[in-house]
């Protein structure tokens, strides 16, 4: 039972991941990279001190 559920979960994750990749490959491969197409970019931090303080505060509060 557990083994069947694990196989099912793995197949669902693979299907969920492969569909966007195929769509990107067919439509937008030449314009931009896959991660950029997904919206994953390195953030531009203008005020690093403020960012670090907010990050530390959020860890302490949570």
PDB file of N, CA and C in Angstrom:
ATOM      1  N   UNK A   1       0.832  -1.200   0.000  1.00  0.00           N
ATOM      2  CA  UNK A   1       0.000   0.000   0.000  1.00  0.00           C
ATOM      3  C   UNK A   1       0.875   1.261   0.000  1.00  0.00           C
ATOM      4  N   UNK A   2       1.849   1.318   0.891  1.00  0.00           N
ATOM      5  CA  UNK A   2       2.700   2.499   0.968  1.00  0.00           C
ATOM      6  C   UNK A   2       3.545   2.622  -0.300  1.00  0.00           C
ATOM      7  N   UNK A   3       4.044   1.494  -0.792  1.00  0.00           N
ATOM      8  CA  UNK A   3       4.857   1.502  -2.005  1.00  0.00           C
ATOM      9  C   UNK A   3       4.056   2.008  -3.197  1.00  0.00           C
ATOM     10  N   UNK A   4       2.815   1.603  -3.315  1.00  0.00           N
ATOM     11  CA  UNK A   4       1.953   2.061  -4.408  1.00  0.00           C
ATOM     12  C   UNK A   4       1.697   3.552  -4.309  1.00  0.00           C
ATOM     13  N   UNK A   5       1.506   4.053  -3.102  1.00  0.00           N
ATOM     14  CA  UNK A   5       1.291   5.491  -2.908  1.00  0.00           C
ATOM     15  C   UNK A   5       2.540   6.280  -3.270  1.00  0.00           C
ATOM     16  N   UNK A   6       3.708   5.747  -2.920  1.00  0.00           N
ATOM     17  CA  UNK A   6       4.957   6.439  -3.255  1.00  0.00           C
ATOM     18  C   UNK A   6       5.161   6.494  -4.770  1.00  0.00           C
ATOM     19  N   UNK A   7       4.894   5.399  -5.458  1.00  0.00           N
ATOM     20  CA  UNK A   7       5.021   5.378  -6.918  1.00  0.00           C
ATOM     21  C   UNK A   7       4.042   6.362  -7.550  1.00  0.00           C
ATOM     22  N   UNK A   8       2.827   6.384  -7.051  1.00  0.00           N
ATOM     23  CA  UNK A   8       1.818   7.305  -7.564  1.00  0.00           C
ATOM     24  C   UNK A   8       2.243   8.757  -7.350  1.00  0.00           C
ATOM     25  N   UNK A   9       2.771   9.070  -6.169  1.00  0.00           N
ATOM     26  CA  UNK A   9       3.203  10.432  -5.872  1.00  0.00           C
ATOM     27  C   UNK A   9       4.365  10.847  -6.776  1.00  0.00           C
ATOM     28  N   UNK A  10       5.300   9.953  -6.990  1.00  0.00           N
ATOM     29  CA  UNK A  10       6.451  10.257  -7.845  1.00  0.00           C
ATOM     30  C   UNK A  10       5.999  10.501  -9.282  1.00  0.00           C
ATOM     31  N   UNK A  11       5.105   9.678  -9.771  1.00  0.00           N
ATOM     32  CA  UNK A  11       4.603   9.873 -11.131  1.00  0.00           C
ATOM     33  C   UNK A  11       3.842  11.189 -11.279  1.00  0.00           C
ATOM     34  N   UNK A  12       3.078  11.565 -10.264  1.00  0.00           N
ATOM     35  CA  UNK A  12       2.343  12.820 -10.319  1.00  0.00           C
ATOM     36  C   UNK A  12       3.294  14.012 -10.325  1.00  0.00           C
ATOM     37  N   UNK A  13       4.338  13.961  -9.518  1.00  0.00           N
ATOM     38  CA  UNK A  13       5.319  15.057  -9.498  1.00  0.00           C
ATOM     39  C   UNK A  13       6.035  15.157 -10.833  1.00  0.00           C
ATOM     40  N   UNK A  14       6.400  14.012 -11.393  1.00  0.00           N
ATOM     41  CA  UNK A  14       7.071  14.025 -12.701  1.00  0.00           C
ATOM     42  C   UNK A  14       6.158  14.606 -13.784  1.00  0.00           C
ATOM     43  N   UNK A  15       4.904  14.232 -13.788  1.00  0.00           N
ATOM     44  CA  UNK A  15       3.960  14.760 -14.758  1.00  0.00           C
ATOM     45  C   UNK A  15       3.759  16.254 -14.561  1.00  0.00           C
ATOM     46  N   UNK A  16       3.648  16.675 -13.311  1.00  0.00           N
ATOM     47  CA  UNK A  16       3.470  18.089 -12.999  1.00  0.00           C
ATOM     48  C   UNK A  16       4.680  18.910 -13.441  1.00  0.00           C
ATOM     49  N   UNK A  17       5.873  18.332 -13.381  1.00  0.00           N
ATOM     50  CA  UNK A  17       7.086  19.049 -13.741  1.00  0.00           C
ATOM     51  C   UNK A  17       7.349  19.019 -15.246  1.00  0.00           C
ATOM     52  N   UNK A  18       6.975  17.961 -15.922  1.00  0.00           N
ATOM     53  CA  UNK A  18       7.334  17.809 -17.328  1.00  0.00           C
ATOM     54  C   UNK A  18       6.441  18.631 -18.259  1.00  0.00           C
ATOM     55  N   UNK A  19       5.204  18.851 -17.903  1.00  0.00           N
ATOM     56  CA  UNK A  19       4.292  19.595 -18.771  1.00  0.00           C
ATOM     57  C   UNK A  19       4.767  21.034 -19.008  1.00  0.00           C
ATOM     58  N   UNK A  20       5.121  21.807 -17.960  1.00  0.00           N
ATOM     59  CA  UNK A  20       5.631  23.161 -18.238  1.00  0.00           C
ATOM     60  C   UNK A  20       6.935  23.147 -19.035  1.00  0.00           C
ATOM     61  N   UNK A  21       7.785  22.159 -18.772  1.00  0.00           N
ATOM     62  CA  UNK A  21       9.047  22.088 -19.501  1.00  0.00           C
ATOM     63  C   UNK A  21       8.803  21.851 -20.997  1.00  0.00           C
ATOM     64  N   UNK A  22       7.899  20.969 -21.326  1.00  0.00           N
ATOM     65  CA  UNK A  22       7.586  20.707 -22.732  1.00  0.00           C
ATOM     66  C   UNK A  22       6.997  21.948 -23.395  1.00  0.00           C
ATOM     67  N   UNK A  23       6.140  22.643 -22.691  1.00  0.00           N
ATOM     68  CA  UNK A  23       5.538  23.865 -23.253  1.00  0.00           C
ATOM     69  C   UNK A  23       6.601  24.922 -23.510  1.00  0.00           C
ATOM     70  N   UNK A  24       7.520  25.109 -22.548  1.00  0.00           N
ATOM     71  CA  UNK A  24       8.609  26.064 -22.734  1.00  0.00           C
ATOM     72  C   UNK A  24       9.486  25.646 -23.901  1.00  0.00           C
ATOM     73  N   UNK A  25       9.792  24.361 -23.984  1.00  0.00           N
ATOM     74  CA  UNK A  25      10.666  23.852 -25.034  1.00  0.00           C
ATOM     75  C   UNK A  25      10.082  24.124 -26.419  1.00  0.00           C
ATOM     76  N   UNK A  26       8.769  24.008 -26.523  1.00  0.00           N
ATOM     77  CA  UNK A  26       8.117  24.200 -27.825  1.00  0.00           C
ATOM     78  C   UNK A  26       7.855  25.666 -28.161  1.00  0.00           C
ATOM     79  N   UNK A  27       7.715  26.531 -27.169  1.00  0.00           N
ATOM     80  CA  UNK A  27       7.293  27.901 -27.449  1.00  0.00           C
ATOM     81  C   UNK A  27       8.337  28.976 -27.168  1.00  0.00           C
ATOM     82  N   UNK A  28       9.059  28.898 -26.069  1.00  0.00           N
ATOM     83  CA  UNK A  28       9.869  30.038 -25.642  1.00  0.00           C
ATOM     84  C   UNK A  28      11.344  29.722 -25.448  1.00  0.00           C
ATOM     85  N   UNK A  29      11.820  28.619 -25.954  1.00  0.00           N
ATOM     86  CA  UNK A  29      13.202  28.213 -25.715  1.00  0.00           C
ATOM     87  C   UNK A  29      14.209  29.237 -26.230  1.00  0.00           C
ATOM     88  N   UNK A  30      13.941  29.818 -27.372  1.00  0.00           N
ATOM     89  CA  UNK A  30      14.904  30.738 -27.978  1.00  0.00           C
ATOM     90  C   UNK A  30      14.871  32.129 -27.355  1.00  0.00           C
ATOM     91  N   UNK A  31      13.780  32.497 -26.711  1.00  0.00           N
ATOM     92  CA  UNK A  31      13.673  33.838 -26.138  1.00  0.00           C
ATOM     93  C   UNK A  31      14.297  33.949 -24.750  1.00  0.00           C
ATOM     94  N   UNK A  32      14.117  32.939 -23.885  1.00  0.00           N
ATOM     95  CA  UNK A  32      14.601  33.042 -22.506  1.00  0.00           C
ATOM     96  C   UNK A  32      14.833  31.665 -21.912  1.00  0.00           C
ATOM     97  N   UNK A  33      15.591  31.659 -20.820  1.00  0.00           N
ATOM     98  CA  UNK A  33      15.882  30.392 -20.165  1.00  0.00           C
ATOM     99  C   UNK A  33      14.642  29.874 -19.439  1.00  0.00           C
ATOM    100  N   UNK A  34      14.674  28.604 -19.082  1.00  0.00           N
ATOM    101  CA  UNK A  34      13.515  27.968 -18.449  1.00  0.00           C
ATOM    102  C   UNK A  34      13.191  28.605 -17.102  1.00  0.00           C
ATOM    103  N   UNK A  35      14.200  28.849 -16.267  1.00  0.00           N
ATOM    104  CA  UNK A  35      13.941  29.431 -14.945  1.00  0.00           C
ATOM    105  C   UNK A  35      13.443  30.867 -15.043  1.00  0.00           C
ATOM    106  N   UNK A  36      13.944  31.624 -15.996  1.00  0.00           N
ATOM    107  CA  UNK A  36      13.437  32.976 -16.211  1.00  0.00           C
ATOM    108  C   UNK A  36      11.995  32.928 -16.694  1.00  0.00           C
ATOM    109  N   UNK A  37      11.699  31.990 -17.550  1.00  0.00           N
ATOM    110  CA  UNK A  37      10.334  31.821 -18.054  1.00  0.00           C
ATOM    111  C   UNK A  37       9.372  31.478 -16.925  1.00  0.00           C
ATOM    112  N   UNK A  38       9.856  30.713 -15.939  1.00  0.00           N
ATOM    113  CA  UNK A  38       9.022  30.381 -14.780  1.00  0.00           C
ATOM    114  C   UNK A  38       8.861  31.556 -13.825  1.00  0.00           C
ATOM    115  N   UNK A  39       9.710  32.572 -13.952  1.00  0.00           N
ATOM    116  CA  UNK A  39       9.638  33.727 -13.079  1.00  0.00           C
ATOM    117  C   UNK A  39      10.628  33.676 -11.938  1.00  0.00           C
ATOM    118  N   UNK A  40      11.577  32.771 -11.996  1.00  0.00           N
ATOM    119  CA  UNK A  40      12.580  32.653 -10.943  1.00  0.00           C
ATOM    120  C   UNK A  40      13.809  33.464 -11.337  1.00  0.00           C
ATOM    121  N   UNK A  41      14.017  34.551 -10.630  1.00  0.00           N
ATOM    122  CA  UNK A  41      15.151  35.426 -10.888  1.00  0.00           C
ATOM    123  C   UNK A  41      15.835  35.752  -9.576  1.00  0.00           C
ATOM    124  N   UNK A  42      17.088  36.112  -9.662  1.00  0.00           N
ATOM    125  CA  UNK A  42      17.809  36.549  -8.483  1.00  0.00           C
ATOM    126  C   UNK A  42      17.276  37.926  -8.075  1.00  0.00           C
ATOM    127  N   UNK A  43      16.873  38.079  -6.806  1.00  0.00           N
ATOM    128  CA  UNK A  43      16.325  39.376  -6.396  1.00  0.00           C
ATOM    129  C   UNK A  43      17.419  40.442  -6.335  1.00  0.00           C
ATOM    130  N   UNK A  44      17.023  41.658  -6.635  1.00  0.00           N
ATOM    131  CA  UNK A  44      17.935  42.792  -6.540  1.00  0.00           C
ATOM    132  C   UNK A  44      17.648  43.494  -5.217  1.00  0.00           C
ATOM    133  N   UNK A  45      18.629  43.440  -4.319  1.00  0.00           N
ATOM    134  CA  UNK A  45      18.465  44.020  -2.977  1.00  0.00           C
ATOM    135  C   UNK A  45      19.186  45.360  -2.964  1.00  0.00           C
ATOM    136  N   UNK A  46      18.435  46.434  -2.769  1.00  0.00           N
ATOM    137  CA  UNK A  46      19.023  47.769  -2.786  1.00  0.00           C
ATOM    138  C   UNK A  46      19.589  48.153  -1.424  1.00  0.00           C
ATOM    139  N   UNK A  47      18.871  47.829  -0.351  1.00  0.00           N
ATOM    140  CA  UNK A  47      19.320  48.178   0.991  1.00  0.00           C
ATOM    141  C   UNK A  47      19.593  46.875   1.749  1.00  0.00           C
ATOM    142  N   UNK A  48      20.854  46.420   1.740  1.00  0.00           N
ATOM    143  CA  UNK A  48      21.191  45.123   2.317  1.00  0.00           C
ATOM    144  C   UNK A  48      21.057  45.111   3.838  1.00  0.00           C
ATOM    145  N   UNK A  49      21.326  46.219   4.473  1.00  0.00           N
ATOM    146  CA  UNK A  49      21.213  46.278   5.938  1.00  0.00           C
ATOM    147  C   UNK A  49      19.754  46.117   6.364  1.00  0.00           C
ATOM    148  N   UNK A  50      18.860  46.817   5.716  1.00  0.00           N
ATOM    149  CA  UNK A  50      17.436  46.713   6.026  1.00  0.00           C
ATOM    150  C   UNK A  50      16.927  45.302   5.744  1.00  0.00           C
ATOM    151  N   UNK A  51      17.385  44.710   4.660  1.00  0.00           N
ATOM    152  CA  UNK A  51      16.997  43.355   4.299  1.00  0.00           C
ATOM    153  C   UNK A  51      17.467  42.356   5.359  1.00  0.00           C
ATOM    154  N   UNK A  52      18.720  42.483   5.802  1.00  0.00           N
ATOM    155  CA  UNK A  52      19.273  41.577   6.809  1.00  0.00           C
ATOM    156  C   UNK A  52      18.540  41.720   8.144  1.00  0.00           C
ATOM    157  N   UNK A  53      18.207  42.940   8.515  1.00  0.00           N
ATOM    158  CA  UNK A  53      17.480  43.156   9.774  1.00  0.00           C
ATOM    159  C   UNK A  53      16.079  42.553   9.692  1.00  0.00           C
ATOM    160  N   UNK A  54      15.390  42.731   8.588  1.00  0.00           N
ATOM    161  CA  UNK A  54      14.070  42.161   8.415  1.00  0.00           C
ATOM    162  C   UNK A  54      14.134  40.642   8.425  1.00  0.00           C
ATOM    163  N   UNK A  55      15.135  40.064   7.788  1.00  0.00           N
ATOM    164  CA  UNK A  55      15.309  38.627   7.745  1.00  0.00           C
ATOM    165  C   UNK A  55      15.544  38.061   9.153  1.00  0.00           C
ATOM    166  N   UNK A  56      16.444  38.695   9.906  1.00  0.00           N
ATOM    167  CA  UNK A  56      16.726  38.237  11.269  1.00  0.00           C
ATOM    168  C   UNK A  56      15.491  38.374  12.164  1.00  0.00           C
ATOM    169  N   UNK A  57      14.787  39.482  12.025  1.00  0.00           N
ATOM    170  CA  UNK A  57      13.581  39.701  12.825  1.00  0.00           C
ATOM    171  C   UNK A  57      12.504  38.680  12.510  1.00  0.00           C
ATOM    172  N   UNK A  58      12.357  38.355  11.259  1.00  0.00           N
ATOM    173  CA  UNK A  58      11.326  37.377  10.880  1.00  0.00           C
ATOM    174  C   UNK A  58      11.671  35.996  11.429  1.00  0.00           C
ATOM    175  N   UNK A  59      12.951  35.652  11.506  1.00  0.00           N
ATOM    176  CA  UNK A  59      13.331  34.351  12.080  1.00  0.00           C
ATOM    177  C   UNK A  59      13.076  34.345  13.577  1.00  0.00           C
ATOM    178  N   UNK A  60      13.363  35.447  14.252  1.00  0.00           N
ATOM    179  CA  UNK A  60      13.149  35.511  15.704  1.00  0.00           C
ATOM    180  C   UNK A  60      11.659  35.443  16.031  1.00  0.00           C
ATOM    181  N   UNK A  61      10.843  36.118  15.267  1.00  0.00           N
ATOM    182  CA  UNK A  61       9.403  36.157  15.530  1.00  0.00           C
ATOM    183  C   UNK A  61       8.768  34.805  15.253  1.00  0.00           C
ATOM    184  N   UNK A  62       9.172  34.148  14.197  1.00  0.00           N
ATOM    185  CA  UNK A  62       8.588  32.849  13.848  1.00  0.00           C
ATOM    186  C   UNK A  62       9.179  31.795  14.704  1.00  0.00           C
TER     187      UNK A  62
END
